[in-house]
Amino acid sequence: MVVAEIRVLNASKADFDAFDVGVSGAIEEMGGPPEGLVTHVVRPDGDGFVICDVWRTPEDLRRFNDGVLLPMLAAAGHVVSDERVSPVWSYARP
């Protein structure tokens, strides 16, 4: 498992909401959540937001981020300042 964090600059909650509609549509066209996605959360960060996802494999992550998420962020004019991928040592669900 890996966790990916993508920091997006200069984006309001309204900007994120509009972007999220597009991503939700792309996921719907794919037939459901991307293969390998374990959990997803977005949090505010300064003047932007951070997308945090846990994936089963780095390959699952790269397939979705490179093929869908990062191109959609660029097309929407969002600036990604940082993308971090780290191994997950522990993951628990209630």
PDB file of N, CA and C in Angstrom:
ATOM      1  N   MET A   1       0.836  -1.182   0.000  1.00  0.00           N
ATOM      2  CA  MET A   1       0.000   0.000   0.000  1.00  0.00           C
ATOM      3  C   MET A   1       0.878   1.242   0.000  1.00  0.00           C
ATOM      4  N   VAL A   2       0.344   2.299  -0.627  1.00  0.00           N
ATOM      5  CA  VAL A   2       1.009   3.595  -0.627  1.00  0.00           C
ATOM      6  C   VAL A   2      -0.021   4.681  -0.347  1.00  0.00           C
ATOM      7  N   VAL A   3       0.464   5.790   0.198  1.00  0.00           N
ATOM      8  CA  VAL A   3      -0.378   6.973   0.370  1.00  0.00           C
ATOM      9  C   VAL A   3       0.196   8.069  -0.523  1.00  0.00           C
ATOM     10  N   ALA A   4      -0.705   8.750  -1.223  1.00  0.00           N
ATOM     11  CA  ALA A   4      -0.305   9.841  -2.109  1.00  0.00           C
ATOM     12  C   ALA A   4      -0.932  11.128  -1.620  1.00  0.00           C
ATOM     13  N   GLU A   5      -0.128  12.181  -1.586  1.00  0.00           N
ATOM     14  CA  GLU A   5      -0.621  13.504  -1.221  1.00  0.00           C
ATOM     15  C   GLU A   5      -0.255  14.466  -2.344  1.00  0.00           C
ATOM     16  N   ILE A   6      -1.265  15.157  -2.848  1.00  0.00           N
ATOM     17  CA  ILE A   6      -1.058  16.153  -3.900  1.00  0.00           C
ATOM     18  C   ILE A   6      -1.512  17.502  -3.360  1.00  0.00           C
ATOM     19  N   ARG A   7      -0.591  18.436  -3.267  1.00  0.00           N
ATOM     20  CA  ARG A   7      -0.884  19.773  -2.765  1.00  0.00           C
ATOM     21  C   ARG A   7      -1.201  20.687  -3.949  1.00  0.00           C
ATOM     22  N   VAL A   8      -2.369  21.329  -3.873  1.00  0.00           N
ATOM     23  CA  VAL A   8      -2.833  22.235  -4.925  1.00  0.00           C
ATOM     24  C   VAL A   8      -2.875  23.644  -4.352  1.00  0.00           C
ATOM     25  N   LEU A   9      -2.265  24.591  -5.067  1.00  0.00           N
ATOM     26  CA  LEU A   9      -2.160  25.967  -4.585  1.00  0.00           C
ATOM     27  C   LEU A   9      -3.289  26.852  -5.105  1.00  0.00           C
ATOM     28  N   ASN A  10      -3.531  27.943  -4.376  1.00  0.00           N
ATOM     29  CA  ASN A  10      -4.438  29.005  -4.819  1.00  0.00           C
ATOM     30  C   ASN A  10      -5.776  28.489  -5.313  1.00  0.00           C
ATOM     31  N   ALA A  11      -6.426  27.686  -4.518  1.00  0.00           N
ATOM     32  CA  ALA A  11      -7.719  27.132  -4.893  1.00  0.00           C
ATOM     33  C   ALA A  11      -8.667  27.202  -3.700  1.00  0.00           C
ATOM     34  N   SER A  12      -9.815  27.809  -3.917  1.00  0.00           N
ATOM     35  CA  SER A  12     -10.813  27.937  -2.862  1.00  0.00           C
ATOM     36  C   SER A  12     -11.635  26.658  -2.751  1.00  0.00           C
ATOM     37  N   LYS A  13     -12.493  26.617  -1.760  1.00  0.00           N
ATOM     38  CA  LYS A  13     -13.421  25.489  -1.616  1.00  0.00           C
ATOM     39  C   LYS A  13     -14.327  25.404  -2.848  1.00  0.00           C
ATOM     40  N   ALA A  14     -14.769  26.548  -3.360  1.00  0.00           N
ATOM     41  CA  ALA A  14     -15.603  26.563  -4.571  1.00  0.00           C
ATOM     42  C   ALA A  14     -14.824  26.009  -5.770  1.00  0.00           C
ATOM     43  N   ASP A  15     -13.532  26.355  -5.874  1.00  0.00           N
ATOM     44  CA  ASP A  15     -12.692  25.807  -6.947  1.00  0.00           C
ATOM     45  C   ASP A  15     -12.614  24.291  -6.833  1.00  0.00           C
ATOM     46  N   PHE A  16     -12.384  23.821  -5.600  1.00  0.00           N
ATOM     47  CA  PHE A  16     -12.325  22.375  -5.399  1.00  0.00           C
ATOM     48  C   PHE A  16     -13.656  21.723  -5.749  1.00  0.00           C
ATOM     49  N   ASP A  17     -14.762  22.312  -5.291  1.00  0.00           N
ATOM     50  CA  ASP A  17     -16.081  21.731  -5.560  1.00  0.00           C
ATOM     51  C   ASP A  17     -16.323  21.580  -7.056  1.00  0.00           C
ATOM     52  N   ALA A  18     -15.954  22.598  -7.835  1.00  0.00           N
ATOM     53  CA  ALA A  18     -16.122  22.530  -9.290  1.00  0.00           C
ATOM     54  C   ALA A  18     -15.235  21.436  -9.880  1.00  0.00           C
ATOM     55  N   PHE A  19     -14.005  21.347  -9.415  1.00  0.00           N
ATOM     56  CA  PHE A  19     -13.086  20.308  -9.880  1.00  0.00           C
ATOM     57  C   PHE A  19     -13.605  18.923  -9.529  1.00  0.00           C
ATOM     58  N   ASP A  20     -14.133  18.790  -8.328  1.00  0.00           N
ATOM     59  CA  ASP A  20     -14.645  17.504  -7.849  1.00  0.00           C
ATOM     60  C   ASP A  20     -15.797  16.993  -8.715  1.00  0.00           C
ATOM     61  N   VAL A  21     -16.631  17.898  -9.205  1.00  0.00           N
ATOM     62  CA  VAL A  21     -17.722  17.493 -10.098  1.00  0.00           C
ATOM     63  C   VAL A  21     -17.140  16.824 -11.346  1.00  0.00           C
ATOM     64  N   GLY A  22     -16.081  17.409 -11.902  1.00  0.00           N
ATOM     65  CA  GLY A  22     -15.443  16.830 -13.086  1.00  0.00           C
ATOM     66  C   GLY A  22     -14.811  15.480 -12.815  1.00  0.00           C
ATOM     67  N   VAL A  23     -14.126  15.353 -11.694  1.00  0.00           N
ATOM     68  CA  VAL A  23     -13.495  14.079 -11.342  1.00  0.00           C
ATOM     69  C   VAL A  23     -14.561  13.019 -11.097  1.00  0.00           C
ATOM     70  N   SER A  24     -15.636  13.403 -10.419  1.00  0.00           N
ATOM     71  CA  SER A  24     -16.731  12.453 -10.168  1.00  0.00           C
ATOM     72  C   SER A  24     -17.324  11.957 -11.482  1.00  0.00           C
ATOM     73  N   GLY A  25     -17.467  12.852 -12.451  1.00  0.00           N
ATOM     74  CA  GLY A  25     -17.966  12.458 -13.765  1.00  0.00           C
ATOM     75  C   GLY A  25     -17.026  11.491 -14.465  1.00  0.00           C
ATOM     76  N   ALA A  26     -15.721  11.762 -14.378  1.00  0.00           N
ATOM     77  CA  ALA A  26     -14.739  10.864 -14.998  1.00  0.00           C
ATOM     78  C   ALA A  26     -14.785   9.491 -14.352  1.00  0.00           C
ATOM     79  N   ILE A  27     -14.930   9.451 -13.034  1.00  0.00           N
ATOM     80  CA  ILE A  27     -15.000   8.172 -12.320  1.00  0.00           C
ATOM     81  C   ILE A  27     -16.278   7.426 -12.697  1.00  0.00           C
ATOM     82  N   GLU A  28     -17.356   8.169 -12.845  1.00  0.00           N
ATOM     83  CA  GLU A  28     -18.618   7.545 -13.262  1.00  0.00           C
ATOM     84  C   GLU A  28     -18.471   6.932 -14.650  1.00  0.00           C
ATOM     85  N   GLU A  29     -17.801   7.642 -15.566  1.00  0.00           N
ATOM     86  CA  GLU A  29     -17.561   7.122 -16.920  1.00  0.00           C
ATOM     87  C   GLU A  29     -16.696   5.864 -16.892  1.00  0.00           C
ATOM     88  N   MET A  30     -15.823   5.754 -15.883  1.00  0.00           N
ATOM     89  CA  MET A  30     -14.958   4.576 -15.741  1.00  0.00           C
ATOM     90  C   MET A  30     -15.737   3.383 -15.196  1.00  0.00           C
ATOM     91  N   GLY A  31     -16.947   3.643 -14.721  1.00  0.00           N
ATOM     92  CA  GLY A  31     -17.747   2.554 -14.172  1.00  0.00           C
ATOM     93  C   GLY A  31     -17.630   2.400 -12.673  1.00  0.00           C
ATOM     94  N   GLY A  32     -17.021   3.348 -12.010  1.00  0.00           N
ATOM     95  CA  GLY A  32     -16.898   3.285 -10.556  1.00  0.00           C
ATOM     96  C   GLY A  32     -15.512   3.693 -10.114  1.00  0.00           C
ATOM     97  N   PRO A  33     -15.250   3.577  -8.827  1.00  0.00           N
ATOM     98  CA  PRO A  33     -13.946   3.997  -8.300  1.00  0.00           C
ATOM     99  C   PRO A  33     -12.797   3.302  -9.027  1.00  0.00           C
ATOM    100  N   PRO A  34     -11.674   4.003  -9.155  1.00  0.00           N
ATOM    101  CA  PRO A  34     -10.530   3.403  -9.840  1.00  0.00           C
ATOM    102  C   PRO A  34     -10.018   2.161  -9.125  1.00  0.00           C
ATOM    103  N   GLU A  35      -9.540   1.227  -9.910  1.00  0.00           N
ATOM    104  CA  GLU A  35      -8.987  -0.011  -9.362  1.00  0.00           C
ATOM    105  C   GLU A  35      -7.845   0.309  -8.411  1.00  0.00           C
ATOM    106  N   GLY A  36      -7.897  -0.275  -7.231  1.00  0.00           N
ATOM    107  CA  GLY A  36      -6.817  -0.129  -6.267  1.00  0.00           C
ATOM    108  C   GLY A  36      -6.991   0.993  -5.272  1.00  0.00           C
ATOM    109  N   LEU A  37      -7.996   1.854  -5.454  1.00  0.00           N
ATOM    110  CA  LEU A  37      -8.206   2.935  -4.489  1.00  0.00           C
ATOM    111  C   LEU A  37      -8.786   2.355  -3.210  1.00  0.00           C
ATOM    112  N   VAL A  38      -8.129   2.630  -2.085  1.00  0.00           N
ATOM    113  CA  VAL A  38      -8.564   2.122  -0.792  1.00  0.00           C
ATOM    114  C   VAL A  38      -9.399   3.175  -0.066  1.00  0.00           C
ATOM    115  N   THR A  39      -8.892   4.405  -0.016  1.00  0.00           N
ATOM    116  CA  THR A  39      -9.627   5.493   0.633  1.00  0.00           C
ATOM    117  C   THR A  39      -9.163   6.819   0.055  1.00  0.00           C
ATOM    118  N   HIS A  40     -10.031   7.830   0.188  1.00  0.00           N
ATOM    119  CA  HIS A  40      -9.780   9.144  -0.413  1.00  0.00           C
ATOM    120  C   HIS A  40     -10.289  10.221   0.534  1.00  0.00           C
ATOM    121  N   VAL A  41      -9.509  11.277   0.702  1.00  0.00           N
ATOM    122  CA  VAL A  41      -9.920  12.420   1.503  1.00  0.00           C
ATOM    123  C   VAL A  41      -9.245  13.666   0.928  1.00  0.00           C
ATOM    124  N   VAL A  42      -9.943  14.788   1.021  1.00  0.00           N
ATOM    125  CA  VAL A  42      -9.375  16.078   0.620  1.00  0.00           C
ATOM    126  C   VAL A  42      -9.494  17.009   1.810  1.00  0.00           C
ATOM    127  N   ARG A  43      -8.413  17.732   2.081  1.00  0.00           N
ATOM    128  CA  ARG A  43      -8.421  18.653   3.220  1.00  0.00           C
ATOM    129  C   ARG A  43      -7.918  20.023   2.767  1.00  0.00           C
ATOM    130  N   PRO A  44      -8.392  21.078   3.447  1.00  0.00           N
ATOM    131  CA  PRO A  44      -7.867  22.408   3.127  1.00  0.00           C
ATOM    132  C   PRO A  44      -6.422  22.520   3.584  1.00  0.00           C
ATOM    133  N   ASP A  45      -5.667  23.394   2.906  1.00  0.00           N
ATOM    134  CA  ASP A  45      -4.275  23.626   3.272  1.00  0.00           C
ATOM    135  C   ASP A  45      -3.896  25.033   2.831  1.00  0.00           C
ATOM    136  N   GLY A  46      -3.765  25.933   3.784  1.00  0.00           N
ATOM    137  CA  GLY A  46      -3.418  27.313   3.449  1.00  0.00           C
ATOM    138  C   GLY A  46      -4.415  27.890   2.460  1.00  0.00           C
ATOM    139  N   ASP A  47      -3.911  28.312   1.297  1.00  0.00           N
ATOM    140  CA  ASP A  47      -4.789  28.900   0.280  1.00  0.00           C
ATOM    141  C   ASP A  47      -5.210  27.877  -0.776  1.00  0.00           C
ATOM    142  N   GLY A  48      -5.069  26.592  -0.459  1.00  0.00           N
ATOM    143  CA  GLY A  48      -5.423  25.556  -1.421  1.00  0.00           C
ATOM    144  C   GLY A  48      -5.979  24.325  -0.723  1.00  0.00           C
ATOM    145  N   PHE A  49      -5.661  23.167  -1.303  1.00  0.00           N
ATOM    146  CA  PHE A  49      -6.139  21.917  -0.711  1.00  0.00           C
ATOM    147  C   PHE A  49      -5.144  20.800  -0.993  1.00  0.00           C
ATOM    148  N   VAL A  50      -5.297  19.717  -0.239  1.00  0.00           N
ATOM    149  CA  VAL A  50      -4.449  18.539  -0.411  1.00  0.00           C
ATOM    150  C   VAL A  50      -5.350  17.333  -0.658  1.00  0.00           C
ATOM    151  N   ILE A  51      -5.051  16.607  -1.716  1.00  0.00           N
ATOM    152  CA  ILE A  51      -5.744  15.356  -2.030  1.00  0.00           C
ATOM    153  C   ILE A  51      -4.919  14.234  -1.416  1.00  0.00           C
ATOM    154  N   CYS A  52      -5.535  13.421  -0.561  1.00  0.00           N
ATOM    155  CA  CYS A  52      -4.838  12.322   0.113  1.00  0.00           C
ATOM    156  C   CYS A  52      -5.550  11.018  -0.241  1.00  0.00           C
ATOM    157  N   ASP A  53      -4.830  10.112  -0.871  1.00  0.00           N
ATOM    158  CA  ASP A  53      -5.402   8.824  -1.267  1.00  0.00           C
ATOM    159  C   ASP A  53      -4.509   7.687  -0.807  1.00  0.00           C
ATOM    160  N   VAL A  54      -5.133   6.596  -0.422  1.00  0.00           N
ATOM    161  CA  VAL A  54      -4.407   5.363  -0.136  1.00  0.00           C
ATOM    162  C   VAL A  54      -4.724   4.391  -1.262  1.00  0.00           C
ATOM    163  N   TRP A  55      -3.677   3.780  -1.811  1.00  0.00           N
ATOM    164  CA  TRP A  55      -3.791   2.865  -2.949  1.00  0.00           C
ATOM    165  C   TRP A  55      -3.181   1.517  -2.607  1.00  0.00           C
ATOM    166  N   ARG A  56      -3.708   0.463  -3.210  1.00  0.00           N
ATOM    167  CA  ARG A  56      -3.154  -0.884  -2.973  1.00  0.00           C
ATOM    168  C   ARG A  56      -1.740  -1.009  -3.502  1.00  0.00           C
ATOM    169  N   THR A  57      -1.484  -0.441  -4.694  1.00  0.00           N
ATOM    170  CA  THR A  57      -0.144  -0.537  -5.280  1.00  0.00           C
ATOM    171  C   THR A  57       0.260   0.801  -5.890  1.00  0.00           C
ATOM    172  N   PRO A  58       1.565   1.037  -6.028  1.00  0.00           N
ATOM    173  CA  PRO A  58       2.022   2.247  -6.710  1.00  0.00           C
ATOM    174  C   PRO A  58       1.535   2.293  -8.166  1.00  0.00           C
ATOM    175  N   GLU A  59       1.402   1.130  -8.794  1.00  0.00           N
ATOM    176  CA  GLU A  59       0.943   1.084 -10.187  1.00  0.00           C
ATOM    177  C   GLU A  59      -0.507   1.558 -10.308  1.00  0.00           C
ATOM    178  N   ASP A  60      -1.364   1.161  -9.349  1.00  0.00           N
ATOM    179  CA  ASP A  60      -2.748   1.637  -9.343  1.00  0.00           C
ATOM    180  C   ASP A  60      -2.776   3.162  -9.219  1.00  0.00           C
ATOM    181  N   LEU A  61      -1.985   3.687  -8.313  1.00  0.00           N
ATOM    182  CA  LEU A  61      -1.878   5.126  -8.110  1.00  0.00           C
ATOM    183  C   LEU A  61      -1.452   5.836  -9.390  1.00  0.00           C
ATOM    184  N   ARG A  62      -0.364   5.380  -9.996  1.00  0.00           N
ATOM    185  CA  ARG A  62       0.177   6.044 -11.182  1.00  0.00           C
ATOM    186  C   ARG A  62      -0.818   6.000 -12.337  1.00  0.00           C
ATOM    187  N   ARG A  63      -1.481   4.882 -12.496  1.00  0.00           N
ATOM    188  CA  ARG A  63      -2.449   4.743 -13.593  1.00  0.00           C
ATOM    189  C   ARG A  63      -3.540   5.816 -13.483  1.00  0.00           C
ATOM    190  N   PHE A  64      -4.098   6.011 -12.281  1.00  0.00           N
ATOM    191  CA  PHE A  64      -5.162   6.991 -12.112  1.00  0.00           C
ATOM    192  C   PHE A  64      -4.621   8.423 -12.114  1.00  0.00           C
ATOM    193  N   ASN A  65      -3.571   8.660 -11.341  1.00  0.00           N
ATOM    194  CA  ASN A  65      -3.060  10.031 -11.263  1.00  0.00           C
ATOM    195  C   ASN A  65      -2.535  10.525 -12.601  1.00  0.00           C
ATOM    196  N   ASP A  66      -1.737   9.709 -13.286  1.00  0.00           N
ATOM    197  CA  ASP A  66      -1.169  10.145 -14.564  1.00  0.00           C
ATOM    198  C   ASP A  66      -2.212  10.190 -15.680  1.00  0.00           C
ATOM    199  N   GLY A  67      -3.182   9.272 -15.628  1.00  0.00           N
ATOM    200  CA  GLY A  67      -4.163   9.194 -16.704  1.00  0.00           C
ATOM    201  C   GLY A  67      -5.388  10.061 -16.519  1.00  0.00           C
ATOM    202  N   VAL A  68      -5.716  10.393 -15.260  1.00  0.00           N
ATOM    203  CA  VAL A  68      -6.960  11.123 -14.999  1.00  0.00           C
ATOM    204  C   VAL A  68      -6.724  12.369 -14.141  1.00  0.00           C
ATOM    205  N   LEU A  69      -6.262  12.182 -12.919  1.00  0.00           N
ATOM    206  CA  LEU A  69      -6.254  13.269 -11.943  1.00  0.00           C
ATOM    207  C   LEU A  69      -5.334  14.426 -12.326  1.00  0.00           C
ATOM    208  N   LEU A  70      -4.065  14.152 -12.599  1.00  0.00           N
ATOM    209  CA  LEU A  70      -3.130  15.234 -12.906  1.00  0.00           C
ATOM    210  C   LEU A  70      -3.509  15.971 -14.189  1.00  0.00           C
ATOM    211  N   PRO A  71      -3.915  15.276 -15.263  1.00  0.00           N
ATOM    212  CA  PRO A  71      -4.370  16.019 -16.446  1.00  0.00           C
ATOM    213  C   PRO A  71      -5.605  16.886 -16.166  1.00  0.00           C
ATOM    214  N   MET A  72      -6.510  16.399 -15.329  1.00  0.00           N
ATOM    215  CA  MET A  72      -7.699  17.193 -15.002  1.00  0.00           C
ATOM    216  C   MET A  72      -7.329  18.417 -14.164  1.00  0.00           C
ATOM    217  N   LEU A  73      -6.400  18.275 -13.243  1.00  0.00           N
ATOM    218  CA  LEU A  73      -5.941  19.432 -12.471  1.00  0.00           C
ATOM    219  C   LEU A  73      -5.328  20.477 -13.403  1.00  0.00           C
ATOM    220  N   ALA A  74      -4.489  20.029 -14.326  1.00  0.00           N
ATOM    221  CA  ALA A  74      -3.857  20.952 -15.270  1.00  0.00           C
ATOM    222  C   ALA A  74      -4.900  21.627 -16.163  1.00  0.00           C
ATOM    223  N   ALA A  75      -5.853  20.855 -16.662  1.00  0.00           N
ATOM    224  CA  ALA A  75      -6.887  21.404 -17.538  1.00  0.00           C
ATOM    225  C   ALA A  75      -7.743  22.442 -16.813  1.00  0.00           C
ATOM    226  N   ALA A  76      -7.916  22.272 -15.509  1.00  0.00           N
ATOM    227  CA  ALA A  76      -8.706  23.219 -14.716  1.00  0.00           C
ATOM    228  C   ALA A  76      -7.887  24.444 -14.307  1.00  0.00           C
ATOM    229  N   GLY A  77      -6.595  24.430 -14.639  1.00  0.00           N
ATOM    230  CA  GLY A  77      -5.739  25.560 -14.308  1.00  0.00           C
ATOM    231  C   GLY A  77      -5.195  25.538 -12.900  1.00  0.00           C
ATOM    232  N   HIS A  78      -5.306  24.398 -12.232  1.00  0.00           N
ATOM    233  CA  HIS A  78      -4.789  24.292 -10.865  1.00  0.00           C
ATOM    234  C   HIS A  78      -3.286  24.027 -10.885  1.00  0.00           C
ATOM    235  N   VAL A  79      -2.593  24.625  -9.925  1.00  0.00           N
ATOM    236  CA  VAL A  79      -1.150  24.474  -9.808  1.00  0.00           C
ATOM    237  C   VAL A  79      -0.848  23.460  -8.711  1.00  0.00           C
ATOM    238  N   VAL A  80      -0.159  22.381  -9.083  1.00  0.00           N
ATOM    239  CA  VAL A  80       0.269  21.368  -8.122  1.00  0.00           C
ATOM    240  C   VAL A  80       1.663  21.756  -7.661  1.00  0.00           C
ATOM    241  N   SER A  81       1.809  21.958  -6.348  1.00  0.00           N
ATOM    242  CA  SER A  81       3.111  22.375  -5.839  1.00  0.00           C
ATOM    243  C   SER A  81       3.930  21.207  -5.340  1.00  0.00           C
ATOM    244  N   ASP A  82       3.246  20.122  -5.012  1.00  0.00           N
ATOM    245  CA  ASP A  82       3.966  19.011  -4.396  1.00  0.00           C
ATOM    246  C   ASP A  82       3.152  17.738  -4.559  1.00  0.00           C
ATOM    247  N   GLU A  83       3.822  16.674  -4.914  1.00  0.00           N
ATOM    248  CA  GLU A  83       3.186  15.359  -4.945  1.00  0.00           C
ATOM    249  C   GLU A  83       4.105  14.406  -4.202  1.00  0.00           C
ATOM    250  N   ARG A  84       3.581  13.811  -3.138  1.00  0.00           N
ATOM    251  CA  ARG A  84       4.378  12.886  -2.335  1.00  0.00           C
ATOM    252  C   ARG A  84       3.728  11.521  -2.319  1.00  0.00           C
ATOM    253  N   VAL A  85       4.551  10.505  -2.450  1.00  0.00           N
ATOM    254  CA  VAL A  85       4.088   9.120  -2.358  1.00  0.00           C
ATOM    255  C   VAL A  85       4.964   8.428  -1.323  1.00  0.00           C
ATOM    256  N   SER A  86       4.300   7.783  -0.365  1.00  0.00           N
ATOM    257  CA  SER A  86       5.016   7.110   0.718  1.00  0.00           C
ATOM    258  C   SER A  86       4.415   5.723   0.948  1.00  0.00           C
ATOM    259  N   PRO A  87       5.221   4.792   1.423  1.00  0.00           N
ATOM    260  CA  PRO A  87       4.660   3.488   1.778  1.00  0.00           C
ATOM    261  C   PRO A  87       3.770   3.605   3.008  1.00  0.00           C
ATOM    262  N   VAL A  88       2.793   2.753   3.095  1.00  0.00           N
ATOM    263  CA  VAL A  88       1.910   2.686   4.267  1.00  0.00           C
ATOM    264  C   VAL A  88       2.400   1.555   5.150  1.00  0.00           C
ATOM    265  N   TRP A  89       2.668   1.845   6.392  1.00  0.00           N
ATOM    266  CA  TRP A  89       3.106   0.819   7.338  1.00  0.00           C
ATOM    267  C   TRP A  89       1.945   0.198   8.066  1.00  0.00           C
ATOM    268  N   SER A  90       0.866   0.959   8.231  1.00  0.00           N
ATOM    269  CA  SER A  90      -0.281   0.436   8.949  1.00  0.00           C
ATOM    270  C   SER A  90      -1.528   1.109   8.432  1.00  0.00           C
ATOM    271  N   TYR A  91      -2.593   0.350   8.299  1.00  0.00           N
ATOM    272  CA  TYR A  91      -3.882   0.877   7.868  1.00  0.00           C
ATOM    273  C   TYR A  91      -4.963   0.135   8.636  1.00  0.00           C
ATOM    274  N   ALA A  92      -5.836   0.879   9.288  1.00  0.00           N
ATOM    275  CA  ALA A  92      -6.900   0.251  10.090  1.00  0.00           C
ATOM    276  C   ALA A  92      -8.227   0.874   9.729  1.00  0.00           C
ATOM    277  N   ARG A  93      -9.255   0.041   9.722  1.00  0.00           N
ATOM    278  CA  ARG A  93     -10.621   0.515   9.536  1.00  0.00           C
ATOM    279  C   ARG A  93     -11.440   0.038  10.726  1.00  0.00           C
ATOM    280  N   PRO A  94     -12.442   0.842  11.128  1.00  0.00           N
ATOM    281  CA  PRO A  94     -13.264   0.403  12.262  1.00  0.00           C
ATOM    282  C   PRO A  94     -14.106  -0.806  11.899  1.00  0.00           C
TER     283      PRO A  94
END
